[in-house]
Amino acid sequence: RRVYEAPEPADGARVLVDRLWPRGLAKSAAALDEWLKGAAPSEELRKW
Protein backbone atom coordinates (compact mmCIF):
# COMPACT_ATOMS: atom_id res chain seq x y z
CA ARG A 1 0.00 0.00 0.00
CA ARG A 2 0.95 3.65 -0.22
CA VAL A 3 2.18 5.06 3.07
CA TYR A 4 -0.07 8.11 2.59
CA GLU A 5 -3.23 5.97 2.76
CA ALA A 6 -5.03 5.72 6.09
CA PRO A 7 -4.21 2.58 8.07
CA GLU A 8 -6.74 -0.25 7.98
CA PRO A 9 -7.36 -2.87 10.67
CA ALA A 10 -6.49 -5.60 8.13
CA ASP A 11 -2.98 -4.15 7.58
CA GLY A 12 -1.35 -6.18 10.33
CA ALA A 13 2.30 -5.11 10.66
CA ARG A 14 2.91 -1.89 8.72
CA VAL A 15 6.49 -1.58 7.46
CA LEU A 16 7.93 1.27 5.41
CA VAL A 17 10.30 -0.18 2.82
CA ASP A 18 11.59 3.03 1.18
CA ARG A 19 15.15 4.22 1.66
CA LEU A 20 14.03 7.85 2.06
CA TRP A 21 11.38 9.19 4.43
CA PRO A 22 8.17 10.10 2.52
CA ARG A 23 7.81 13.80 1.73
CA GLY A 24 5.28 15.73 3.76
CA LEU A 25 4.50 12.87 6.14
CA ALA A 26 4.97 13.45 9.85
CA LYS A 27 6.51 10.48 11.63
CA SER A 28 3.72 10.62 14.20
CA ALA A 29 1.10 10.30 11.42
CA ALA A 30 2.77 7.39 9.62
CA ALA A 31 1.33 4.63 11.85
CA LEU A 32 4.37 2.42 11.22
CA ASP A 33 5.54 -0.60 13.10
CA GLU A 34 9.00 -0.55 11.52
CA TRP A 35 11.09 1.16 8.85
CA LEU A 36 13.38 -1.26 7.03
CA LYS A 37 15.52 0.84 4.69
CA GLY A 38 17.84 -2.05 3.90
CA ALA A 39 15.14 -3.83 1.90
CA ALA A 40 14.78 -0.88 -0.47
CA PRO A 41 16.77 -0.57 -3.71
CA SER A 42 20.22 0.91 -3.34
CA GLU A 43 20.56 4.66 -3.78
CA GLU A 44 22.42 4.07 -7.03
CA LEU A 45 19.68 1.82 -8.45
CA ARG A 46 16.92 4.13 -7.24
CA LYS A 47 18.51 7.15 -8.94
CA TRP A 48 19.18 5.22 -12.15
All heavy atoms as atom14 arrays in JSON, in Angstrom:
{
  "sequence": "RRVYEAPEPADGARVLVDRLWPRGLAKSAAALDEWLKGAAPSEELRKW",
  "atom14_mask": [
    [1, 1, 1, 1, 1, 1, 1, 1, 1, 1, 1, 0, 0, 0],
    [1, 1, 1, 1, 1, 1, 1, 1, 1, 1, 1, 0, 0, 0],
    [1, 1, 1, 1, 1, 1, 1, 0, 0, 0, 0, 0, 0, 0],
    [1, 1, 1, 1, 1, 1, 1, 1, 1, 1, 1, 1, 0, 0],
    [1, 1, 1, 1, 1, 1, 1, 1, 1, 0, 0, 0, 0, 0],
    [1, 1, 1, 1, 1, 0, 0, 0, 0, 0, 0, 0, 0, 0],
    [1, 1, 1, 1, 1, 1, 1, 0, 0, 0, 0, 0, 0, 0],
    [1, 1, 1, 1, 1, 1, 1, 1, 1, 0, 0, 0, 0, 0],
    [1, 1, 1, 1, 1, 1, 1, 0, 0, 0, 0, 0, 0, 0],
    [1, 1, 1, 1, 1, 0, 0, 0, 0, 0, 0, 0, 0, 0],
    [1, 1, 1, 1, 1, 1, 1, 1, 0, 0, 0, 0, 0, 0],
    [1, 1, 1, 1, 0, 0, 0, 0, 0, 0, 0, 0, 0, 0],
    [1, 1, 1, 1, 1, 0, 0, 0, 0, 0, 0, 0, 0, 0],
    [1, 1, 1, 1, 1, 1, 1, 1, 1, 1, 1, 0, 0, 0],
    [1, 1, 1, 1, 1, 1, 1, 0, 0, 0, 0, 0, 0, 0],
    [1, 1, 1, 1, 1, 1, 1, 1, 0, 0, 0, 0, 0, 0],
    [1, 1, 1, 1, 1, 1, 1, 0, 0, 0, 0, 0, 0, 0],
    [1, 1, 1, 1, 1, 1, 1, 1, 0, 0, 0, 0, 0, 0],
    [1, 1, 1, 1, 1, 1, 1, 1, 1, 1, 1, 0, 0, 0],
    [1, 1, 1, 1, 1, 1, 1, 1, 0, 0, 0, 0, 0, 0],
    [1, 1, 1, 1, 1, 1, 1, 1, 1, 1, 1, 1, 1, 1],
    [1, 1, 1, 1, 1, 1, 1, 0, 0, 0, 0, 0, 0, 0],
    [1, 1, 1, 1, 1, 1, 1, 1, 1, 1, 1, 0, 0, 0],
    [1, 1, 1, 1, 0, 0, 0, 0, 0, 0, 0, 0, 0, 0],
    [1, 1, 1, 1, 1, 1, 1, 1, 0, 0, 0, 0, 0, 0],
    [1, 1, 1, 1, 1, 0, 0, 0, 0, 0, 0, 0, 0, 0],
    [1, 1, 1, 1, 1, 1, 1, 1, 1, 0, 0, 0, 0, 0],
    [1, 1, 1, 1, 1, 1, 0, 0, 0, 0, 0, 0, 0, 0],
    [1, 1, 1, 1, 1, 0, 0, 0, 0, 0, 0, 0, 0, 0],
    [1, 1, 1, 1, 1, 0, 0, 0, 0, 0, 0, 0, 0, 0],
    [1, 1, 1, 1, 1, 0, 0, 0, 0, 0, 0, 0, 0, 0],
    [1, 1, 1, 1, 1, 1, 1, 1, 0, 0, 0, 0, 0, 0],
    [1, 1, 1, 1, 1, 1, 1, 1, 0, 0, 0, 0, 0, 0],
    [1, 1, 1, 1, 1, 1, 1, 1, 1, 0, 0, 0, 0, 0],
    [1, 1, 1, 1, 1, 1, 1, 1, 1, 1, 1, 1, 1, 1],
    [1, 1, 1, 1, 1, 1, 1, 1, 0, 0, 0, 0, 0, 0],
    [1, 1, 1, 1, 1, 1, 1, 1, 1, 0, 0, 0, 0, 0],
    [1, 1, 1, 1, 0, 0, 0, 0, 0, 0, 0, 0, 0, 0],
    [1, 1, 1, 1, 1, 0, 0, 0, 0, 0, 0, 0, 0, 0],
    [1, 1, 1, 1, 1, 0, 0, 0, 0, 0, 0, 0, 0, 0],
    [1, 1, 1, 1, 1, 1, 1, 0, 0, 0, 0, 0, 0, 0],
    [1, 1, 1, 1, 1, 1, 0, 0, 0, 0, 0, 0, 0, 0],
    [1, 1, 1, 1, 1, 1, 1, 1, 1, 0, 0, 0, 0, 0],
    [1, 1, 1, 1, 1, 1, 1, 1, 1, 0, 0, 0, 0, 0],
    [1, 1, 1, 1, 1, 1, 1, 1, 0, 0, 0, 0, 0, 0],
    [1, 1, 1, 1, 1, 1, 1, 1, 1, 1, 1, 0, 0, 0],
    [1, 1, 1, 1, 1, 1, 1, 1, 1, 0, 0, 0, 0, 0],
    [1, 1, 1, 1, 1, 1, 1, 1, 1, 1, 1, 1, 1, 1]
  ],
  "atom14_positions": [
    [[0.85, -1.2, 0.0], [0.0, 0.0, 0.0], [0.88, 1.24, 0.0], [2.06, 1.19, 0.35], [-0.88, 0.02, 1.25], [-1.83, -1.17, 1.32], [-2.82, -1.07, 2.44], [-3.68, 0.08, 2.25], [-4.16, 0.82, 3.25], [-3.85, 0.56, 4.5], [-4.94, 1.85, 3.0], [0.0, 0.0, 0.0], [0.0, 0.0, 0.0], [0.0, 0.0, 0.0]],
    [[0.25, 2.36, -0.32], [0.95, 3.65, -0.22], [0.94, 4.09, 1.24], [-0.05, 3.96, 1.94], [0.28, 4.7, -1.1], [0.45, 4.39, -2.57], [0.12, 5.57, -3.46], [1.17, 6.58, -3.33], [0.93, 7.88, -3.22], [-0.3, 8.35, -3.23], [1.93, 8.74, -3.12], [0.0, 0.0, 0.0], [0.0, 0.0, 0.0], [0.0, 0.0, 0.0]],
    [[2.04, 4.63, 1.68], [2.18, 5.06, 3.07], [1.25, 6.23, 3.39], [0.89, 6.44, 4.55], [3.66, 5.4, 3.4], [4.11, 6.67, 2.69], [3.89, 5.47, 4.89], [0.0, 0.0, 0.0], [0.0, 0.0, 0.0], [0.0, 0.0, 0.0], [0.0, 0.0, 0.0], [0.0, 0.0, 0.0], [0.0, 0.0, 0.0], [0.0, 0.0, 0.0]],
    [[0.81, 6.96, 2.38], [-0.07, 8.11, 2.59], [-1.52, 7.7, 2.83], [-2.33, 8.52, 3.25], [0.01, 9.06, 1.39], [1.39, 9.61, 1.16], [2.16, 9.16, 0.1], [1.94, 10.57, 2.01], [3.44, 9.65, -0.12], [3.21, 11.06, 1.8], [3.96, 10.6, 0.73], [5.22, 11.09, 0.51], [0.0, 0.0, 0.0], [0.0, 0.0, 0.0]],
    [[-1.87, 6.45, 2.54], [-3.23, 5.97, 2.76], [-3.46, 5.72, 4.24], [-2.54, 5.33, 4.96], [-3.48, 4.67, 1.98], [-3.39, 4.85, 0.48], [-3.43, 3.52, -0.26], [-3.5, 2.46, 0.37], [-3.37, 3.57, -1.5], [0.0, 0.0, 0.0], [0.0, 0.0, 0.0], [0.0, 0.0, 0.0], [0.0, 0.0, 0.0], [0.0, 0.0, 0.0]],
    [[-4.7, 5.94, 4.69], [-5.03, 5.72, 6.09], [-4.86, 4.24, 6.45], [-5.17, 3.37, 5.64], [-6.47, 6.15, 6.35], [0.0, 0.0, 0.0], [0.0, 0.0, 0.0], [0.0, 0.0, 0.0], [0.0, 0.0, 0.0], [0.0, 0.0, 0.0], [0.0, 0.0, 0.0], [0.0, 0.0, 0.0], [0.0, 0.0, 0.0], [0.0, 0.0, 0.0]],
    [[-4.35, 3.97, 7.64], [-4.21, 2.58, 8.07], [-5.56, 1.87, 8.13], [-6.58, 2.5, 8.39], [-3.61, 2.69, 9.48], [-3.13, 4.08, 9.61], [-3.89, 4.92, 8.65], [0.0, 0.0, 0.0], [0.0, 0.0, 0.0], [0.0, 0.0, 0.0], [0.0, 0.0, 0.0], [0.0, 0.0, 0.0], [0.0, 0.0, 0.0], [0.0, 0.0, 0.0]],
    [[-5.53, 0.57, 7.89], [-6.74, -0.25, 7.98], [-6.49, -1.34, 9.02], [-5.35, -1.79, 9.18], [-7.04, -0.92, 6.63], [-7.4, 0.06, 5.53], [-7.64, -0.63, 4.19], [-7.46, -1.87, 4.09], [-7.99, 0.07, 3.24], [0.0, 0.0, 0.0], [0.0, 0.0, 0.0], [0.0, 0.0, 0.0], [0.0, 0.0, 0.0], [0.0, 0.0, 0.0]],
    [[-7.54, -1.79, 9.68], [-7.36, -2.87, 10.67], [-6.74, -4.13, 10.06], [-6.02, -4.85, 10.74], [-8.78, -3.14, 11.16], [-9.54, -1.88, 10.88], [-8.91, -1.29, 9.65], [0.0, 0.0, 0.0], [0.0, 0.0, 0.0], [0.0, 0.0, 0.0], [0.0, 0.0, 0.0], [0.0, 0.0, 0.0], [0.0, 0.0, 0.0], [0.0, 0.0, 0.0]],
    [[-7.0, -4.39, 8.78], [-6.49, -5.6, 8.13], [-5.01, -5.49, 7.74], [-4.44, -6.46, 7.24], [-7.31, -5.89, 6.89], [0.0, 0.0, 0.0], [0.0, 0.0, 0.0], [0.0, 0.0, 0.0], [0.0, 0.0, 0.0], [0.0, 0.0, 0.0], [0.0, 0.0, 0.0], [0.0, 0.0, 0.0], [0.0, 0.0, 0.0], [0.0, 0.0, 0.0]],
    [[-4.38, -4.34, 7.98], [-2.98, -4.15, 7.58], [-2.01, -5.05, 8.33], [-0.95, -5.38, 7.81], [-2.54, -2.7, 7.79], [-3.05, -1.76, 6.71], [-3.54, -2.25, 5.67], [-2.95, -0.54, 6.91], [0.0, 0.0, 0.0], [0.0, 0.0, 0.0], [0.0, 0.0, 0.0], [0.0, 0.0, 0.0], [0.0, 0.0, 0.0], [0.0, 0.0, 0.0]],
    [[-2.31, -5.42, 9.55], [-1.35, -6.18, 10.33], [-0.13, -5.32, 10.62], [-0.25, -4.14, 10.95], [0.0, 0.0, 0.0], [0.0, 0.0, 0.0], [0.0, 0.0, 0.0], [0.0, 0.0, 0.0], [0.0, 0.0, 0.0], [0.0, 0.0, 0.0], [0.0, 0.0, 0.0], [0.0, 0.0, 0.0], [0.0, 0.0, 0.0], [0.0, 0.0, 0.0]],
    [[1.06, -5.87, 10.45], [2.3, -5.11, 10.66], [2.52, -4.18, 9.47], [2.5, -4.61, 8.32], [3.47, -6.06, 10.81], [0.0, 0.0, 0.0], [0.0, 0.0, 0.0], [0.0, 0.0, 0.0], [0.0, 0.0, 0.0], [0.0, 0.0, 0.0], [0.0, 0.0, 0.0], [0.0, 0.0, 0.0], [0.0, 0.0, 0.0], [0.0, 0.0, 0.0]],
    [[2.71, -2.9, 9.76], [2.91, -1.89, 8.72], [4.39, -1.5, 8.69], [4.91, -0.97, 9.67], [2.04, -0.66, 8.99], [0.56, -0.95, 8.85], [-0.3, 0.22, 9.31], [0.11, 1.51, 8.8], [-0.31, 2.04, 7.64], [-1.15, 1.37, 6.88], [0.11, 3.22, 7.26], [0.0, 0.0, 0.0], [0.0, 0.0, 0.0], [0.0, 0.0, 0.0]],
    [[5.04, -1.79, 7.55], [6.49, -1.58, 7.46], [6.81, -0.7, 6.25], [6.47, -1.06, 5.11], [7.23, -2.92, 7.35], [8.74, -2.7, 7.25], [6.9, -3.81, 8.54], [0.0, 0.0, 0.0], [0.0, 0.0, 0.0], [0.0, 0.0, 0.0], [0.0, 0.0, 0.0], [0.0, 0.0, 0.0], [0.0, 0.0, 0.0], [0.0, 0.0, 0.0]],
    [[7.46, 0.4, 6.5], [7.93, 1.27, 5.41], [9.17, 0.63, 4.81], [10.11, 0.27, 5.54], [8.25, 2.66, 5.94], [8.77, 3.67, 4.92], [7.73, 3.96, 3.85], [9.19, 4.97, 5.62], [0.0, 0.0, 0.0], [0.0, 0.0, 0.0], [0.0, 0.0, 0.0], [0.0, 0.0, 0.0], [0.0, 0.0, 0.0], [0.0, 0.0, 0.0]],
    [[9.17, 0.47, 3.49], [10.3, -0.18, 2.82], [10.96, 0.74, 1.79], [11.52, 0.28, 0.81], [9.87, -1.53, 2.18], [9.54, -2.55, 3.26], [8.72, -1.36, 1.21], [0.0, 0.0, 0.0], [0.0, 0.0, 0.0], [0.0, 0.0, 0.0], [0.0, 0.0, 0.0], [0.0, 0.0, 0.0], [0.0, 0.0, 0.0], [0.0, 0.0, 0.0]],
    [[10.89, 2.04, 2.02], [11.59, 3.03, 1.18], [12.88, 3.42, 1.87], [12.96, 3.42, 3.1], [10.72, 4.27, 0.98], [9.55, 4.05, 0.05], [9.53, 3.02, -0.65], [8.66, 4.92, 0.0], [0.0, 0.0, 0.0], [0.0, 0.0, 0.0], [0.0, 0.0, 0.0], [0.0, 0.0, 0.0], [0.0, 0.0, 0.0], [0.0, 0.0, 0.0]],
    [[13.87, 3.8, 1.09], [15.15, 4.22, 1.66], [15.04, 5.63, 2.24], [15.69, 5.96, 3.23], [16.24, 4.17, 0.58], [17.63, 4.29, 1.15], [18.68, 3.82, 0.19], [18.62, 2.4, -0.1], [19.15, 1.44, 0.65], [19.78, 1.74, 1.75], [19.06, 0.18, 0.29], [0.0, 0.0, 0.0], [0.0, 0.0, 0.0], [0.0, 0.0, 0.0]],
    [[14.21, 6.47, 1.61], [14.03, 7.85, 2.06], [12.69, 8.01, 2.77], [11.71, 7.34, 2.4], [14.08, 8.81, 0.86], [15.34, 8.75, 0.0], [15.19, 9.66, -1.21], [16.56, 9.13, 0.81], [0.0, 0.0, 0.0], [0.0, 0.0, 0.0], [0.0, 0.0, 0.0], [0.0, 0.0, 0.0], [0.0, 0.0, 0.0], [0.0, 0.0, 0.0]],
    [[12.64, 8.92, 3.75], [11.38, 9.19, 4.43], [10.43, 9.89, 3.45], [10.84, 10.77, 2.7], [11.61, 10.06, 5.66], [10.34, 10.21, 6.43], [9.48, 11.27, 6.41], [9.74, 9.24, 7.28], [8.4, 11.01, 7.2], [8.53, 9.77, 7.75], [10.11, 7.96, 7.69], [7.68, 9.08, 8.61], [9.27, 7.26, 8.55], [8.07, 7.83, 9.0]],
    [[9.14, 9.51, 3.44], [8.17, 10.1, 2.52], [7.99, 11.6, 2.74], [7.85, 12.06, 3.88], [6.87, 9.37, 2.82], [7.29, 8.13, 3.54], [8.57, 8.45, 4.25], [0.0, 0.0, 0.0], [0.0, 0.0, 0.0], [0.0, 0.0, 0.0], [0.0, 0.0, 0.0], [0.0, 0.0, 0.0], [0.0, 0.0, 0.0], [0.0, 0.0, 0.0]],
    [[7.98, 12.34, 1.66], [7.81, 13.8, 1.73], [6.47, 14.17, 2.34], [5.44, 13.59, 2.01], [7.87, 14.42, 0.33], [9.23, 14.39, -0.27], [9.21, 15.08, -1.61], [10.5, 14.89, -2.26], [10.75, 15.25, -3.49], [9.81, 15.82, -4.22], [11.94, 15.07, -4.0], [0.0, 0.0, 0.0], [0.0, 0.0, 0.0], [0.0, 0.0, 0.0]],
    [[6.51, 15.17, 3.21], [5.28, 15.73, 3.76], [4.56, 14.85, 4.77], [3.45, 15.17, 5.16], [0.0, 0.0, 0.0], [0.0, 0.0, 0.0], [0.0, 0.0, 0.0], [0.0, 0.0, 0.0], [0.0, 0.0, 0.0], [0.0, 0.0, 0.0], [0.0, 0.0, 0.0], [0.0, 0.0, 0.0], [0.0, 0.0, 0.0], [0.0, 0.0, 0.0]],
    [[5.16, 13.77, 5.19], [4.5, 12.87, 6.14], [5.19, 12.98, 7.5], [6.39, 12.7, 7.61], [4.56, 11.43, 5.64], [3.84, 10.39, 6.49], [2.33, 10.63, 6.49], [4.15, 8.99, 5.98], [0.0, 0.0, 0.0], [0.0, 0.0, 0.0], [0.0, 0.0, 0.0], [0.0, 0.0, 0.0], [0.0, 0.0, 0.0], [0.0, 0.0, 0.0]],
    [[4.42, 13.37, 8.5], [4.97, 13.45, 9.85], [5.16, 12.03, 10.39], [4.33, 11.16, 10.15], [4.03, 14.23, 10.76], [0.0, 0.0, 0.0], [0.0, 0.0, 0.0], [0.0, 0.0, 0.0], [0.0, 0.0, 0.0], [0.0, 0.0, 0.0], [0.0, 0.0, 0.0], [0.0, 0.0, 0.0], [0.0, 0.0, 0.0], [0.0, 0.0, 0.0]],
    [[6.25, 11.82, 11.08], [6.51, 10.48, 11.63], [5.39, 10.04, 12.57], [5.04, 8.86, 12.61], [7.86, 10.44, 12.33], [9.0, 10.55, 11.34], [10.34, 10.31, 11.96], [11.39, 10.44, 10.85], [12.72, 10.11, 11.28], [0.0, 0.0, 0.0], [0.0, 0.0, 0.0], [0.0, 0.0, 0.0], [0.0, 0.0, 0.0], [0.0, 0.0, 0.0]],
    [[4.81, 10.97, 13.29], [3.72, 10.62, 14.2], [2.46, 10.19, 13.45], [1.64, 9.44, 13.98], [3.4, 11.81, 15.11], [3.01, 12.93, 14.33], [0.0, 0.0, 0.0], [0.0, 0.0, 0.0], [0.0, 0.0, 0.0], [0.0, 0.0, 0.0], [0.0, 0.0, 0.0], [0.0, 0.0, 0.0], [0.0, 0.0, 0.0], [0.0, 0.0, 0.0]],
    [[2.29, 10.63, 12.21], [1.1, 10.3, 11.42], [1.28, 9.05, 10.56], [0.34, 8.6, 9.92], [0.73, 11.48, 10.53], [0.0, 0.0, 0.0], [0.0, 0.0, 0.0], [0.0, 0.0, 0.0], [0.0, 0.0, 0.0], [0.0, 0.0, 0.0], [0.0, 0.0, 0.0], [0.0, 0.0, 0.0], [0.0, 0.0, 0.0], [0.0, 0.0, 0.0]],
    [[2.48, 8.49, 10.54], [2.77, 7.39, 9.62], [2.17, 6.06, 10.04], [1.96, 5.19, 9.21], [4.28, 7.24, 9.44], [0.0, 0.0, 0.0], [0.0, 0.0, 0.0], [0.0, 0.0, 0.0], [0.0, 0.0, 0.0], [0.0, 0.0, 0.0], [0.0, 0.0, 0.0], [0.0, 0.0, 0.0], [0.0, 0.0, 0.0], [0.0, 0.0, 0.0]],
    [[1.9, 5.88, 11.31], [1.33, 4.63, 11.85], [2.16, 3.42, 11.39], [1.63, 2.45, 10.86], [-0.12, 4.48, 11.44], [0.0, 0.0, 0.0], [0.0, 0.0, 0.0], [0.0, 0.0, 0.0], [0.0, 0.0, 0.0], [0.0, 0.0, 0.0], [0.0, 0.0, 0.0], [0.0, 0.0, 0.0], [0.0, 0.0, 0.0], [0.0, 0.0, 0.0]],
    [[3.46, 3.51, 11.61], [4.37, 2.42, 11.22], [4.72, 1.55, 12.41], [4.79, 2.01, 13.53], [5.7, 3.0, 10.7], [5.69, 3.85, 9.48], [7.11, 4.32, 9.18], [5.12, 3.12, 8.3], [0.0, 0.0, 0.0], [0.0, 0.0, 0.0], [0.0, 0.0, 0.0], [0.0, 0.0, 0.0], [0.0, 0.0, 0.0], [0.0, 0.0, 0.0]],
    [[4.98, 0.28, 12.09], [5.54, -0.6, 13.1], [7.06, -0.63, 12.99], [7.76, -0.72, 13.98], [4.97, -2.01, 12.95], [3.49, -2.04, 13.28], [3.14, -1.67, 14.42], [2.7, -2.41, 12.41], [0.0, 0.0, 0.0], [0.0, 0.0, 0.0], [0.0, 0.0, 0.0], [0.0, 0.0, 0.0], [0.0, 0.0, 0.0], [0.0, 0.0, 0.0]],
    [[7.55, -0.55, 11.74], [9.0, -0.55, 11.52], [9.31, 0.18, 10.22], [8.44, 0.34, 9.35], [9.55, -1.99, 11.43], [9.42, -2.75, 12.72], [10.15, -4.08, 12.71], [11.26, -4.15, 12.16], [9.59, -5.04, 13.26], [0.0, 0.0, 0.0], [0.0, 0.0, 0.0], [0.0, 0.0, 0.0], [0.0, 0.0, 0.0], [0.0, 0.0, 0.0]],
    [[10.57, 0.58, 10.09], [11.09, 1.16, 8.85], [12.34, 0.36, 8.5], [13.35, 0.44, 9.2], [11.41, 2.63, 9.05], [11.94, 3.35, 7.86], [11.93, 2.96, 6.55], [12.56, 4.64, 7.85], [12.49, 3.9, 5.74], [12.89, 4.95, 6.51], [12.87, 5.57, 8.84], [13.51, 6.15, 6.15], [13.48, 6.75, 8.47], [13.79, 7.04, 7.13]],
    [[12.26, -0.42, 7.43], [13.38, -1.26, 7.03], [13.98, -0.74, 5.72], [13.63, -1.19, 4.63], [12.92, -2.72, 6.89], [12.41, -3.36, 8.18], [11.9, -4.77, 7.92], [13.5, -3.38, 9.25], [0.0, 0.0, 0.0], [0.0, 0.0, 0.0], [0.0, 0.0, 0.0], [0.0, 0.0, 0.0], [0.0, 0.0, 0.0], [0.0, 0.0, 0.0]],
    [[14.88, 0.21, 5.85], [15.52, 0.84, 4.69], [16.35, -0.13, 3.88], [16.5, 0.01, 2.67], [16.45, 1.97, 5.15], [15.82, 3.05, 5.93], [16.9, 4.02, 6.4], [16.41, 4.9, 7.5], [17.44, 5.82, 7.96], [0.0, 0.0, 0.0], [0.0, 0.0, 0.0], [0.0, 0.0, 0.0], [0.0, 0.0, 0.0], [0.0, 0.0, 0.0]],
    [[16.93, -1.12, 4.56], [17.84, -2.05, 3.9], [17.18, -2.95, 2.87], [17.86, -3.57, 2.06], [0.0, 0.0, 0.0], [0.0, 0.0, 0.0], [0.0, 0.0, 0.0], [0.0, 0.0, 0.0], [0.0, 0.0, 0.0], [0.0, 0.0, 0.0], [0.0, 0.0, 0.0], [0.0, 0.0, 0.0], [0.0, 0.0, 0.0], [0.0, 0.0, 0.0]],
    [[15.85, -3.03, 2.89], [15.14, -3.83, 1.9], [14.83, -3.04, 0.63], [14.4, -3.6, -0.37], [13.84, -4.37, 2.5], [0.0, 0.0, 0.0], [0.0, 0.0, 0.0], [0.0, 0.0, 0.0], [0.0, 0.0, 0.0], [0.0, 0.0, 0.0], [0.0, 0.0, 0.0], [0.0, 0.0, 0.0], [0.0, 0.0, 0.0], [0.0, 0.0, 0.0]],
    [[15.05, -1.75, 0.69], [14.78, -0.88, -0.47], [15.93, -0.98, -1.48], [17.04, -1.4, -1.14], [14.64, 0.56, 0.0], [0.0, 0.0, 0.0], [0.0, 0.0, 0.0], [0.0, 0.0, 0.0], [0.0, 0.0, 0.0], [0.0, 0.0, 0.0], [0.0, 0.0, 0.0], [0.0, 0.0, 0.0], [0.0, 0.0, 0.0], [0.0, 0.0, 0.0]],
    [[15.67, -0.59, -2.72], [16.77, -0.57, -3.71], [17.88, 0.36, -3.25], [17.64, 1.34, -2.54], [16.09, -0.02, -4.97], [14.64, -0.24, -4.77], [14.4, -0.18, -3.3], [0.0, 0.0, 0.0], [0.0, 0.0, 0.0], [0.0, 0.0, 0.0], [0.0, 0.0, 0.0], [0.0, 0.0, 0.0], [0.0, 0.0, 0.0], [0.0, 0.0, 0.0]],
    [[19.08, 0.05, -3.67], [20.22, 0.91, -3.34], [19.98, 2.31, -3.89], [19.2, 2.51, -4.82], [21.5, 0.33, -3.93], [21.43, 0.37, -5.35], [0.0, 0.0, 0.0], [0.0, 0.0, 0.0], [0.0, 0.0, 0.0], [0.0, 0.0, 0.0], [0.0, 0.0, 0.0], [0.0, 0.0, 0.0], [0.0, 0.0, 0.0], [0.0, 0.0, 0.0]],
    [[20.69, 3.28, -3.31], [20.56, 4.66, -3.78], [20.93, 4.75, -5.26], [20.26, 5.43, -6.04], [21.43, 5.59, -2.94], [21.26, 7.05, -3.3], [22.03, 7.98, -2.38], [22.53, 7.52, -1.33], [22.14, 9.15, -2.74], [0.0, 0.0, 0.0], [0.0, 0.0, 0.0], [0.0, 0.0, 0.0], [0.0, 0.0, 0.0], [0.0, 0.0, 0.0]],
    [[21.98, 4.05, -5.64], [22.42, 4.07, -7.03], [21.33, 3.53, -7.97], [21.03, 4.14, -8.99], [23.7, 3.22, -7.17], [24.24, 3.15, -8.59], [25.45, 2.24, -8.68], [26.19, 2.08, -7.69], [25.65, 1.68, -9.77], [0.0, 0.0, 0.0], [0.0, 0.0, 0.0], [0.0, 0.0, 0.0], [0.0, 0.0, 0.0], [0.0, 0.0, 0.0]],
    [[20.73, 2.41, -7.61], [19.68, 1.82, -8.45], [18.45, 2.71, -8.47], [17.84, 2.92, -9.52], [19.33, 0.42, -7.95], [18.24, -0.32, -8.74], [18.61, -0.46, -10.22], [17.99, -1.68, -8.12], [0.0, 0.0, 0.0], [0.0, 0.0, 0.0], [0.0, 0.0, 0.0], [0.0, 0.0, 0.0], [0.0, 0.0, 0.0], [0.0, 0.0, 0.0]],
    [[18.09, 3.25, -7.32], [16.92, 4.13, -7.24], [17.09, 5.35, -8.14], [16.19, 5.72, -8.89], [16.71, 4.58, -5.79], [15.51, 5.48, -5.57], [15.4, 5.9, -4.11], [16.58, 6.59, -3.6], [16.86, 7.88, -3.81], [16.06, 8.62, -4.53], [17.94, 8.41, -3.31], [0.0, 0.0, 0.0], [0.0, 0.0, 0.0], [0.0, 0.0, 0.0]],
    [[18.27, 5.96, -8.1], [18.51, 7.15, -8.94], [18.54, 6.78, -10.42], [18.02, 7.52, -11.25], [19.82, 7.82, -8.53], [19.69, 8.56, -7.21], [20.98, 9.25, -6.84], [20.83, 10.04, -5.55], [22.06, 10.73, -5.18], [0.0, 0.0, 0.0], [0.0, 0.0, 0.0], [0.0, 0.0, 0.0], [0.0, 0.0, 0.0], [0.0, 0.0, 0.0]],
    [[19.14, 5.65, -10.75], [19.18, 5.22, -12.15], [17.77, 5.0, -12.68], [17.44, 5.42, -13.78], [20.0, 3.93, -12.29], [19.87, 3.33, -13.67], [20.58, 3.68, -14.78], [18.95, 2.32, -14.09], [20.16, 2.94, -15.86], [19.15, 2.1, -15.46], [17.97, 1.59, -13.43], [18.42, 1.17, -16.19], [17.23, 0.66, -14.15], [17.47, 0.47, -15.52]]
  ]
}
